[in-house]
Amino acid sequence: MSSGQKAAKKFMSEHGLFDVSNIPIELVATGLGATVIEKPMSSADGRIVFGNRKTIITINSGIEYEGKRRFTIGHEIGHLRMHKDHFLIHNDNDATLEYFKSGHQETEANEFASELLMPKALFRKISDEYEFGPELLRYLADYFKTSITSVAYRYFEYGNHPICLIYSYGNTVKYWKRPDPYDHFIKDRNGLTTPDDSVASEFFKQGKIYSKKESKQKVWKSTWFELKPWENDKYFNFYEYCIVTPKYNTVLSVVWEE
């Protein structure tokens, strides 16, 4: 169990919390002595300022989705519980709120927020009842009232169907994750452009964003994975679902086999 997850479980146990999906998350911050305010922010989605008497958490009022707003507050609560002695002022943007991307403290804050908003046991219980697909990710995001991006990372960790995640910014692949073990090997494209036949590339080159109904798109295995000499693309059933954030020009590709 990670340090962020441990800290969140300890916090929830101390305060008798099991499922916070129906609790305004700012009340949790208030209970810890922090004041949450919202205002326009041009270069950050969240900020925490530690003071001698009071801690201020500022949330960007321009955040479009309630789920992302809640996850951002949860992330800042993670900093409040775990990192108060590490810095006085800290800003968070789309990059620091992405898993597997930033430094140790950002990873811990993301892990804390995930466990707080989507407790592992409850997440597994609900997600295991359904077949995997974009609809399930959207359902989980609605149930836990958090961002669909955070749900995708949570499902990667605890879902019962293996998925791969590829994060791209400005049509350049920044990092990827695949289950371990996994039968297929992702081509190492870090620092390279997204594959021309990927759904991610459609967004970056054409601005294409599929509707919910069409969000599950079939792709070749060779789009993202190494195709062995004896293999034939037509015998595999791979799909790509893209979580697009136009504001930051980013795409999280969720890729899986059926």
Protein backbone atom coordinates (compact mmCIF):
# COMPACT_ATOMS: atom_id res chain seq x y z
CA MET A 1 0.00 0.00 0.00
CA SER A 2 1.37 3.41 -0.96
CA SER A 3 2.09 6.14 1.55
CA GLY A 4 -0.65 8.36 0.11
CA GLN A 5 -3.20 5.58 0.32
CA LYS A 6 -2.16 4.77 3.89
CA ALA A 7 -2.50 8.40 4.91
CA ALA A 8 -5.99 8.62 3.41
CA LYS A 9 -7.16 5.38 5.02
CA LYS A 10 -5.84 6.56 8.39
CA PHE A 11 -7.59 9.91 7.98
CA MET A 12 -10.89 8.29 7.02
CA SER A 13 -10.68 5.84 9.90
CA GLU A 14 -10.00 8.65 12.38
CA HIS A 15 -13.05 10.57 11.18
CA GLY A 16 -15.44 7.68 10.56
CA LEU A 17 -15.58 8.20 6.81
CA PHE A 18 -16.40 5.35 4.42
CA ASP A 19 -17.88 6.93 1.30
CA VAL A 20 -17.58 10.70 0.76
CA SER A 21 -19.37 10.75 -2.60
CA ASN A 22 -22.36 12.55 -1.06
CA ILE A 23 -20.31 14.91 1.11
CA PRO A 24 -19.20 18.32 -0.19
CA ILE A 25 -15.45 17.78 -0.28
CA GLU A 26 -14.74 21.35 0.83
CA LEU A 27 -16.35 20.47 4.17
CA VAL A 28 -13.64 17.86 4.68
CA ALA A 29 -11.02 20.56 4.10
CA THR A 30 -12.85 22.91 6.46
CA GLY A 31 -12.83 20.22 9.13
CA LEU A 32 -9.04 20.19 8.88
CA GLY A 33 -8.87 23.93 9.47
CA ALA A 34 -8.52 25.03 5.86
CA THR A 35 -10.57 27.65 4.06
CA VAL A 36 -11.56 26.84 0.49
CA ILE A 37 -12.13 29.73 -1.90
CA GLU A 38 -12.79 29.78 -5.63
CA LYS A 39 -11.59 32.40 -8.09
CA PRO A 40 -10.25 32.60 -11.64
CA MET A 41 -6.69 31.25 -11.96
CA SER A 42 -4.75 31.52 -15.20
CA SER A 43 -1.95 29.03 -14.63
CA ALA A 44 -3.19 26.61 -11.99
CA ASP A 45 -6.25 24.60 -11.00
CA GLY A 46 -5.45 24.57 -7.31
CA ARG A 47 -3.20 26.29 -4.79
CA ILE A 48 -2.52 25.72 -1.13
CA VAL A 49 -1.00 28.35 1.14
CA PHE A 50 0.06 27.35 4.64
CA GLY A 51 -0.10 30.07 7.29
CA ASN A 52 0.63 30.19 10.99
CA ARG A 53 -3.05 30.34 11.86
CA LYS A 54 -4.93 29.39 8.72
CA THR A 55 -4.46 27.38 5.54
CA ILE A 56 -6.02 28.67 2.33
CA ILE A 57 -6.95 26.33 -0.53
CA THR A 58 -7.77 28.20 -3.73
CA ILE A 59 -9.58 26.40 -6.55
CA ASN A 60 -9.83 27.67 -10.11
CA SER A 61 -13.43 28.77 -10.68
CA GLY A 62 -12.89 28.02 -14.36
CA ILE A 63 -12.82 24.25 -13.80
CA GLU A 64 -15.67 22.99 -15.97
CA TYR A 65 -16.47 19.69 -14.31
CA GLU A 66 -17.51 19.09 -10.72
CA GLY A 67 -15.62 15.80 -10.65
CA LYS A 68 -12.32 17.49 -11.49
CA ARG A 69 -13.06 20.23 -8.96
CA ARG A 70 -13.57 17.62 -6.23
CA PHE A 71 -10.42 15.73 -7.17
CA THR A 72 -8.41 18.96 -7.14
CA ILE A 73 -9.66 19.76 -3.62
CA GLY A 74 -8.90 16.18 -2.57
CA HIS A 75 -5.38 16.58 -3.96
CA GLU A 76 -4.87 19.75 -1.92
CA ILE A 77 -6.21 18.00 1.20
CA GLY A 78 -3.53 15.39 0.57
CA HIS A 79 -0.89 18.11 0.63
CA LEU A 80 -2.46 19.51 3.80
CA ARG A 81 -2.30 16.15 5.58
CA MET A 82 1.09 15.04 4.32
CA HIS A 83 3.24 17.98 3.23
CA LYS A 84 2.59 20.91 5.51
CA ASP A 85 6.24 21.07 6.54
CA HIS A 86 7.58 20.85 2.97
CA PHE A 87 6.46 24.19 1.47
CA LEU A 88 4.48 27.34 2.26
CA ILE A 89 2.82 27.86 -1.13
CA HIS A 90 2.15 25.24 -3.78
CA ASN A 91 0.36 25.43 -7.14
CA ASP A 92 -1.20 22.47 -8.97
CA ASN A 93 -2.11 22.30 -12.64
CA ASP A 94 -3.11 19.60 -15.11
CA ALA A 95 0.39 18.13 -15.09
CA THR A 96 0.73 17.77 -11.31
CA LEU A 97 -2.76 16.28 -11.13
CA GLU A 98 -1.73 13.54 -13.57
CA TYR A 99 -0.57 10.22 -12.13
CA PHE A 100 2.89 8.77 -12.79
CA LYS A 101 4.04 12.15 -14.06
CA SER A 102 5.26 14.44 -11.32
CA GLY A 103 7.42 14.24 -8.21
CA HIS A 104 7.01 12.20 -5.07
CA GLN A 105 4.79 14.67 -3.24
CA GLU A 106 2.45 15.02 -6.22
CA THR A 107 2.13 11.25 -6.49
CA GLU A 108 1.33 11.03 -2.78
CA ALA A 109 -1.31 13.78 -3.05
CA ASN A 110 -2.92 12.01 -6.02
CA GLU A 111 -2.92 8.70 -4.15
CA PHE A 112 -4.46 10.38 -1.12
CA ALA A 113 -7.21 12.00 -3.21
CA SER A 114 -7.98 8.73 -4.99
CA GLU A 115 -8.36 6.75 -1.79
CA LEU A 116 -10.40 9.53 -0.18
CA LEU A 117 -12.79 9.88 -3.12
CA MET A 118 -12.73 6.28 -4.38
CA PRO A 119 -11.96 3.91 -1.47
CA LYS A 120 -10.27 0.80 -2.84
CA ALA A 121 -12.69 -1.77 -1.41
CA LEU A 122 -15.78 0.11 -2.57
CA PHE A 123 -14.28 0.89 -5.97
CA ARG A 124 -13.49 -2.78 -6.61
CA LYS A 125 -16.88 -3.93 -5.38
CA ILE A 126 -18.74 -1.65 -7.79
CA SER A 127 -16.41 -1.90 -10.80
CA ASP A 128 -16.26 -5.70 -10.66
CA GLU A 129 -20.00 -5.89 -11.30
CA TYR A 130 -19.71 -4.56 -14.86
CA GLU A 131 -17.85 -5.28 -18.08
CA PHE A 132 -15.13 -2.78 -18.92
CA GLY A 133 -15.75 0.04 -21.37
CA PRO A 134 -16.05 3.83 -21.53
CA GLU A 135 -19.56 3.57 -20.09
CA LEU A 136 -18.19 1.97 -16.93
CA LEU A 137 -15.58 4.70 -16.48
CA ARG A 138 -18.26 7.36 -16.87
CA TYR A 139 -20.56 5.52 -14.45
CA LEU A 140 -17.80 5.30 -11.82
CA ALA A 141 -16.95 8.98 -12.29
CA ASP A 142 -20.62 9.87 -11.72
CA TYR A 143 -20.96 7.58 -8.71
CA PHE A 144 -17.83 8.78 -6.92
CA LYS A 145 -18.26 12.35 -8.19
CA THR A 146 -14.68 12.63 -9.34
CA SER A 147 -12.87 13.17 -12.64
CA ILE A 148 -12.99 10.49 -15.30
CA THR A 149 -9.21 10.77 -15.60
CA SER A 150 -8.75 9.83 -11.94
CA VAL A 151 -11.20 6.95 -12.43
CA ALA A 152 -9.18 5.62 -15.38
CA TYR A 153 -6.00 5.56 -13.28
CA ARG A 154 -7.89 3.94 -10.40
CA TYR A 155 -9.28 1.28 -12.72
CA PHE A 156 -5.79 0.65 -14.07
CA GLU A 157 -4.73 -0.20 -10.52
CA TYR A 158 -7.76 -2.11 -9.28
CA GLY A 159 -10.04 -3.00 -12.18
CA ASN A 160 -10.60 -6.61 -13.21
CA HIS A 161 -9.91 -6.04 -16.93
CA PRO A 162 -6.35 -5.08 -17.99
CA ILE A 163 -6.05 -1.67 -19.62
CA CYS A 164 -3.13 0.42 -20.83
CA LEU A 165 -2.79 4.17 -20.43
CA ILE A 166 -0.90 6.54 -22.73
CA TYR A 167 -0.67 10.25 -21.89
CA SER A 168 0.05 12.69 -24.72
CA TYR A 169 0.53 16.44 -24.79
CA GLY A 170 0.62 18.50 -27.97
CA ASN A 171 0.65 15.33 -30.11
CA THR A 172 3.72 14.02 -28.27
CA VAL A 173 3.62 10.91 -26.10
CA LYS A 174 4.85 11.82 -22.62
CA TYR A 175 4.52 8.48 -20.82
CA TRP A 176 2.63 5.19 -20.81
CA LYS A 177 1.68 2.42 -18.41
CA ARG A 178 0.79 -1.19 -19.06
CA PRO A 179 -0.18 -3.94 -16.61
CA ASP A 180 2.53 -6.23 -15.34
CA PRO A 181 2.42 -8.97 -16.50
CA TYR A 182 0.78 -8.28 -19.86
CA ASP A 183 0.92 -10.25 -23.10
CA HIS A 184 1.53 -7.25 -25.35
CA PHE A 185 4.42 -4.78 -25.43
CA ILE A 186 3.78 -1.07 -25.97
CA LYS A 187 6.07 0.58 -28.49
CA ASP A 188 8.31 3.04 -26.67
CA ARG A 189 7.06 6.28 -28.18
CA ASN A 190 8.02 8.63 -25.34
CA GLY A 191 8.97 11.93 -26.92
CA LEU A 192 7.57 10.86 -30.32
CA THR A 193 4.33 11.85 -32.02
CA THR A 194 1.20 9.80 -31.50
CA PRO A 195 0.63 7.04 -34.09
CA ASP A 196 -1.07 8.33 -37.24
CA ASP A 197 -3.81 5.69 -36.96
CA SER A 198 -4.54 6.34 -33.27
CA VAL A 199 -7.63 8.07 -31.91
CA ALA A 200 -5.33 10.46 -30.05
CA SER A 201 -3.81 11.57 -33.35
CA GLU A 202 -7.29 12.34 -34.70
CA PHE A 203 -7.74 14.89 -31.93
CA PHE A 204 -4.33 16.51 -32.28
CA LYS A 205 -4.42 16.71 -36.08
CA GLN A 206 -8.12 17.19 -36.79
CA GLY A 207 -9.62 18.33 -33.48
CA LYS A 208 -11.83 15.22 -33.54
CA ILE A 209 -13.61 14.38 -30.28
CA TYR A 210 -15.97 11.44 -30.46
CA SER A 211 -19.39 11.49 -28.85
CA LYS A 212 -20.09 9.27 -25.87
CA LYS A 213 -21.88 6.81 -28.13
CA GLU A 214 -18.87 6.57 -30.47
CA SER A 215 -16.11 6.98 -27.89
CA LYS A 216 -15.05 3.31 -28.08
CA GLN A 217 -13.00 3.14 -31.28
CA LYS A 218 -11.45 0.01 -32.76
CA VAL A 219 -7.72 0.25 -33.49
CA TRP A 220 -5.09 -2.15 -34.80
CA LYS A 221 -2.84 -3.90 -32.33
CA SER A 222 0.09 -2.41 -34.24
CA THR A 223 -1.20 1.11 -33.53
CA TRP A 224 0.20 1.11 -30.00
CA PHE A 225 1.77 -2.34 -29.55
CA GLU A 226 4.57 -4.32 -31.10
CA LEU A 227 3.25 -6.76 -33.69
CA LYS A 228 5.33 -9.92 -33.80
CA PRO A 229 6.38 -11.22 -37.24
CA TRP A 230 4.00 -14.19 -37.02
CA GLU A 231 1.02 -12.14 -35.85
CA ASN A 232 -1.73 -10.64 -37.98
CA ASP A 233 -3.51 -7.43 -36.95
CA LYS A 234 -6.90 -8.71 -38.08
CA TYR A 235 -6.95 -11.44 -35.42
CA PHE A 236 -6.85 -8.97 -32.51
CA ASN A 237 -9.61 -6.79 -31.08
CA PHE A 238 -8.09 -3.65 -29.56
CA TYR A 239 -9.97 -0.48 -28.69
CA GLU A 240 -8.97 3.07 -27.78
CA TYR A 241 -10.99 5.53 -25.73
CA CYS A 242 -9.59 9.03 -25.41
CA ILE A 243 -10.12 11.36 -22.47
CA VAL A 244 -9.47 14.71 -24.10
CA THR A 245 -8.71 17.97 -22.30
CA PRO A 246 -8.72 20.65 -25.04
CA LYS A 247 -7.85 23.41 -22.57
CA TYR A 248 -4.47 21.82 -21.91
CA ASN A 249 -4.12 20.10 -25.31
CA THR A 250 -3.77 16.68 -23.64
CA VAL A 251 -5.15 13.21 -24.30
CA LEU A 252 -5.22 10.19 -22.03
CA SER A 253 -5.66 7.14 -24.25
CA VAL A 254 -7.24 4.12 -22.60
CA VAL A 255 -6.39 1.06 -24.69
CA TRP A 256 -7.61 -2.48 -24.09
CA GLU A 257 -8.19 -5.83 -25.78
CA GLU A 258 -11.44 -7.76 -25.96
